[in-house]
Amino acid sequence: MRTTSVDIQQELNRLEEMILAGFNIPLTRRTIVDEDRLLDQLDEIRLSLPEVFQQAAAIIQQKEEILLEAEEYGQQIVDAAQAKRSQILDESDIIRQAERSAGELRRQVQQECEGMLQDTLEEVDRKRRACQQEIEEMRRQSVAEAEAVEQGADDYADSVLENIEQNLLDMLRIIRNGRQQLQPDSSEEDHSQFPKKISKWVK
């Protein structure tokens, strides 16, 4: 069973090692590799690519969780401010009932408290909106980064596979040319043993 610990870079390194360990054709820059092993390694790379996409999705999920936590924290601040306001108003009612002779002073204190509370609520609301905007920007950046990672992985994988495909085509062309050059100059007996020689080269 495959896990998220599979490292696509490690699989690509193995592919590179496989190519470097292939049979070098003398006087050329061509290398013959085991086709089955090469195809198996390409399958490993294809299977590991979705893990890159899962990592990008995890980043988006993490940013969304941060946004939710920030919204909850902002709501807690608002609730606490409203509770404080209710407490102040209750205390003002008690003072009004207990000290009717000091009504003017009480009204002045209440107005000052309400003004301070309103300023506090407005400040909290401004900070909450600023926090939401910042988190939204972080989320957009995370989505953009995840999309860039996904596109980069696709482009890189396609480039690697294209290079491998071209190398294989070059190898096949070299083999065909070699066979065409050997067939006219070989006897019937040598020609009958030619596939065995080619098979030995491929291994």
Protein backbone atom coordinates (compact mmCIF):
# COMPACT_ATOMS: atom_id res chain seq x y z
CA MET A 1 0.00 0.00 0.00
CA ARG A 2 1.43 3.37 -1.03
CA THR A 3 1.77 6.13 1.57
CA THR A 4 2.30 9.86 1.40
CA SER A 5 5.95 9.33 2.30
CA VAL A 6 6.75 8.38 -1.29
CA ASP A 7 9.19 10.93 -2.63
CA ILE A 8 8.74 11.71 -6.31
CA GLN A 9 12.26 13.14 -6.40
CA GLN A 10 13.59 9.80 -5.19
CA GLU A 11 11.70 7.99 -7.95
CA LEU A 12 13.13 10.37 -10.54
CA ASN A 13 16.63 9.78 -9.15
CA ARG A 14 16.10 6.04 -9.55
CA LEU A 15 15.04 6.61 -13.13
CA GLU A 16 18.21 8.62 -13.75
CA GLU A 17 20.34 5.89 -12.16
CA MET A 18 18.65 3.27 -14.34
CA ILE A 19 19.48 5.24 -17.50
CA LEU A 20 23.07 5.88 -16.39
CA ALA A 21 23.50 2.17 -15.63
CA GLY A 22 22.35 1.18 -19.13
CA PHE A 23 24.57 -0.18 -21.91
CA ASN A 24 26.46 2.63 -23.64
CA ILE A 25 26.73 2.25 -27.40
CA PRO A 26 30.38 2.82 -28.37
CA LEU A 27 31.24 6.02 -30.23
CA THR A 28 27.77 7.46 -29.52
CA ARG A 29 25.97 9.23 -26.71
CA ARG A 30 23.22 6.61 -26.80
CA THR A 31 22.37 4.15 -24.03
CA ILE A 32 20.33 0.94 -24.14
CA VAL A 33 18.18 0.28 -21.05
CA ASP A 34 15.82 -2.49 -19.97
CA GLU A 35 12.43 -1.50 -21.38
CA ASP A 36 10.40 -3.37 -18.73
CA ARG A 37 12.30 -1.79 -15.85
CA LEU A 38 11.99 1.62 -17.48
CA LEU A 39 8.22 1.28 -17.90
CA ASP A 40 7.84 0.04 -14.32
CA GLN A 41 9.73 3.07 -13.05
CA LEU A 42 7.55 5.39 -15.12
CA ASP A 43 4.49 3.77 -13.52
CA GLU A 44 5.97 4.50 -10.09
CA ILE A 45 6.38 8.16 -11.03
CA ARG A 46 2.82 8.39 -12.34
CA LEU A 47 1.48 6.86 -9.12
CA SER A 48 3.44 9.28 -6.94
CA LEU A 49 2.23 12.41 -8.76
CA PRO A 50 -1.21 12.52 -7.02
CA GLU A 51 0.61 12.87 -3.68
CA VAL A 52 1.88 16.28 -4.79
CA PHE A 53 -1.72 17.29 -5.44
CA GLN A 54 -2.74 15.97 -1.99
CA GLN A 55 -0.08 18.16 -0.39
CA ALA A 56 -1.46 21.18 -2.23
CA ALA A 57 -5.00 20.34 -1.04
CA ALA A 58 -3.70 20.00 2.54
CA ILE A 59 -2.25 23.52 2.33
CA ILE A 60 -5.63 24.90 1.21
CA GLN A 61 -7.40 23.01 4.01
CA GLN A 62 -4.98 24.39 6.58
CA LYS A 63 -5.56 27.97 5.42
CA GLU A 64 -9.33 27.47 5.58
CA GLU A 65 -9.02 26.18 9.14
CA ILE A 66 -7.00 29.25 10.07
CA LEU A 67 -9.73 31.46 8.58
CA LEU A 68 -12.42 29.67 10.56
CA GLU A 69 -10.44 29.95 13.80
CA ALA A 70 -9.88 33.65 13.22
CA GLU A 71 -13.60 34.22 12.63
CA GLU A 72 -14.45 32.34 15.82
CA TYR A 73 -11.90 34.37 17.75
CA GLY A 74 -13.35 37.61 16.39
CA GLN A 75 -16.85 36.52 17.38
CA GLN A 76 -15.62 35.75 20.90
CA ILE A 77 -14.23 39.27 21.16
CA VAL A 78 -17.57 40.74 20.05
CA ASP A 79 -19.49 38.55 22.50
CA ALA A 80 -17.18 39.57 25.34
CA ALA A 81 -17.63 43.25 24.48
CA GLN A 82 -21.42 42.87 24.41
CA ALA A 83 -21.36 41.08 27.76
CA LYS A 84 -19.24 43.88 29.18
CA ARG A 85 -21.72 46.41 27.84
CA SER A 86 -24.62 44.59 29.48
CA GLN A 87 -22.68 44.46 32.73
CA ILE A 88 -21.97 48.19 32.61
CA LEU A 89 -25.62 48.97 31.86
CA ASP A 90 -26.75 46.76 34.74
CA GLU A 91 -24.33 48.49 37.07
CA SER A 92 -25.62 51.83 35.82
CA ASP A 93 -29.19 50.79 36.63
CA ILE A 94 -28.13 49.84 40.16
CA ILE A 95 -26.37 53.16 40.62
CA ARG A 96 -29.41 55.03 39.29
CA GLN A 97 -31.72 53.29 41.74
CA ALA A 98 -29.32 53.65 44.69
CA GLU A 99 -28.30 57.27 44.11
CA ARG A 100 -31.25 59.15 42.61
CA SER A 101 -29.79 62.39 43.95
CA ALA A 102 -26.75 61.95 41.75
CA GLY A 103 -28.68 61.49 38.51
CA GLU A 104 -26.74 64.05 36.53
CA LEU A 105 -23.41 62.51 37.48
CA ARG A 106 -24.73 59.04 36.70
CA ARG A 107 -25.91 60.10 33.23
CA GLN A 108 -22.55 61.64 32.48
CA VAL A 109 -20.71 58.48 33.56
CA GLN A 110 -23.06 56.30 31.53
CA GLN A 111 -22.60 58.42 28.42
CA GLU A 112 -18.82 58.24 28.77
CA CYS A 113 -18.94 54.46 29.24
CA GLU A 114 -21.19 54.01 26.22
CA GLY A 115 -18.93 56.22 24.16
CA MET A 116 -15.87 54.20 25.18
CA LEU A 117 -17.77 50.96 24.53
CA GLN A 118 -18.83 52.14 21.09
CA ASP A 119 -15.25 53.08 20.27
CA THR A 120 -14.13 49.66 21.48
CA LEU A 121 -16.75 47.86 19.39
CA GLU A 122 -15.80 49.86 16.32
CA GLU A 123 -12.13 49.12 16.88
CA VAL A 124 -12.86 45.42 17.33
CA ASP A 125 -14.96 45.43 14.17
CA ARG A 126 -12.21 47.18 12.20
CA LYS A 127 -9.65 44.68 13.42
CA ARG A 128 -11.95 41.77 12.65
CA ARG A 129 -12.51 42.99 9.09
CA ALA A 130 -8.77 43.59 8.64
CA CYS A 131 -8.07 40.09 9.97
CA GLN A 132 -10.64 38.57 7.60
CA GLN A 133 -9.14 40.42 4.65
CA GLU A 134 -5.64 39.27 5.56
CA ILE A 135 -6.75 35.67 5.97
CA GLU A 136 -8.65 35.80 2.68
CA GLU A 137 -5.52 37.08 0.96
CA MET A 138 -3.52 34.26 2.55
CA ARG A 139 -6.11 31.77 1.31
CA ARG A 140 -5.95 33.17 -2.23
CA GLN A 141 -2.17 33.02 -2.17
CA SER A 142 -2.30 29.44 -0.89
CA VAL A 143 -4.69 28.46 -3.68
CA ALA A 144 -2.42 30.14 -6.23
CA GLU A 145 0.64 28.40 -4.79
CA ALA A 146 -1.15 25.04 -4.79
CA GLU A 147 -2.19 25.53 -8.42
CA ALA A 148 1.38 26.52 -9.30
CA VAL A 149 2.71 23.40 -7.56
CA GLU A 150 0.21 21.22 -9.41
CA GLN A 151 1.00 22.82 -12.79
CA GLY A 152 4.73 22.62 -12.12
CA ALA A 153 4.46 18.94 -11.25
CA ASP A 154 2.50 18.25 -14.44
CA ASP A 155 4.97 20.19 -16.59
CA TYR A 156 7.98 18.54 -15.00
CA ALA A 157 6.54 15.05 -15.32
CA ASP A 158 5.56 15.69 -18.93
CA SER A 159 9.05 17.01 -19.71
CA VAL A 160 10.69 13.95 -18.13
CA LEU A 161 8.41 11.54 -19.97
CA GLU A 162 8.95 13.39 -23.25
CA ASN A 163 12.74 13.15 -22.88
CA ILE A 164 12.48 9.45 -22.06
CA GLU A 165 10.24 8.86 -25.05
CA GLN A 166 12.68 10.68 -27.36
CA ASN A 167 15.61 8.68 -25.96
CA LEU A 168 13.76 5.42 -26.57
CA LEU A 169 12.93 6.45 -30.13
CA ASP A 170 16.59 7.33 -30.72
CA MET A 171 17.65 3.93 -29.36
CA LEU A 172 15.19 2.10 -31.62
CA ARG A 173 16.42 4.08 -34.63
CA ILE A 174 20.02 3.18 -33.81
CA ILE A 175 19.13 -0.50 -33.48
CA ARG A 176 17.27 -0.51 -36.81
CA ASN A 177 20.16 1.22 -38.54
CA GLY A 178 22.58 -1.30 -37.05
CA ARG A 179 20.53 -4.21 -38.31
CA GLN A 180 20.26 -2.70 -41.78
CA GLN A 181 24.03 -2.23 -41.94
CA LEU A 182 24.78 -5.78 -40.74
CA GLN A 183 22.30 -7.73 -42.90
CA PRO A 184 23.88 -7.18 -46.38
CA ASP A 185 27.42 -8.16 -45.19
CA SER A 186 26.49 -11.24 -43.14
CA SER A 187 26.19 -14.84 -44.27
CA GLU A 188 22.94 -16.77 -43.89
CA GLU A 189 24.32 -18.46 -40.78
CA ASP A 190 25.40 -15.19 -39.22
CA HIS A 191 22.02 -13.66 -40.11
CA SER A 192 20.21 -16.47 -38.29
CA GLN A 193 22.18 -15.66 -35.12
CA PHE A 194 21.75 -11.88 -35.38
CA PRO A 195 18.59 -11.66 -33.21
CA LYS A 196 20.47 -13.44 -30.41
CA LYS A 197 23.23 -10.80 -30.55
CA ILE A 198 20.71 -7.96 -30.49
CA SER A 199 18.90 -9.61 -27.57
CA LYS A 200 22.21 -9.78 -25.71
CA TRP A 201 22.78 -6.04 -26.26
CA VAL A 202 19.30 -5.14 -24.96
CA LYS A 203 19.78 -7.14 -21.76
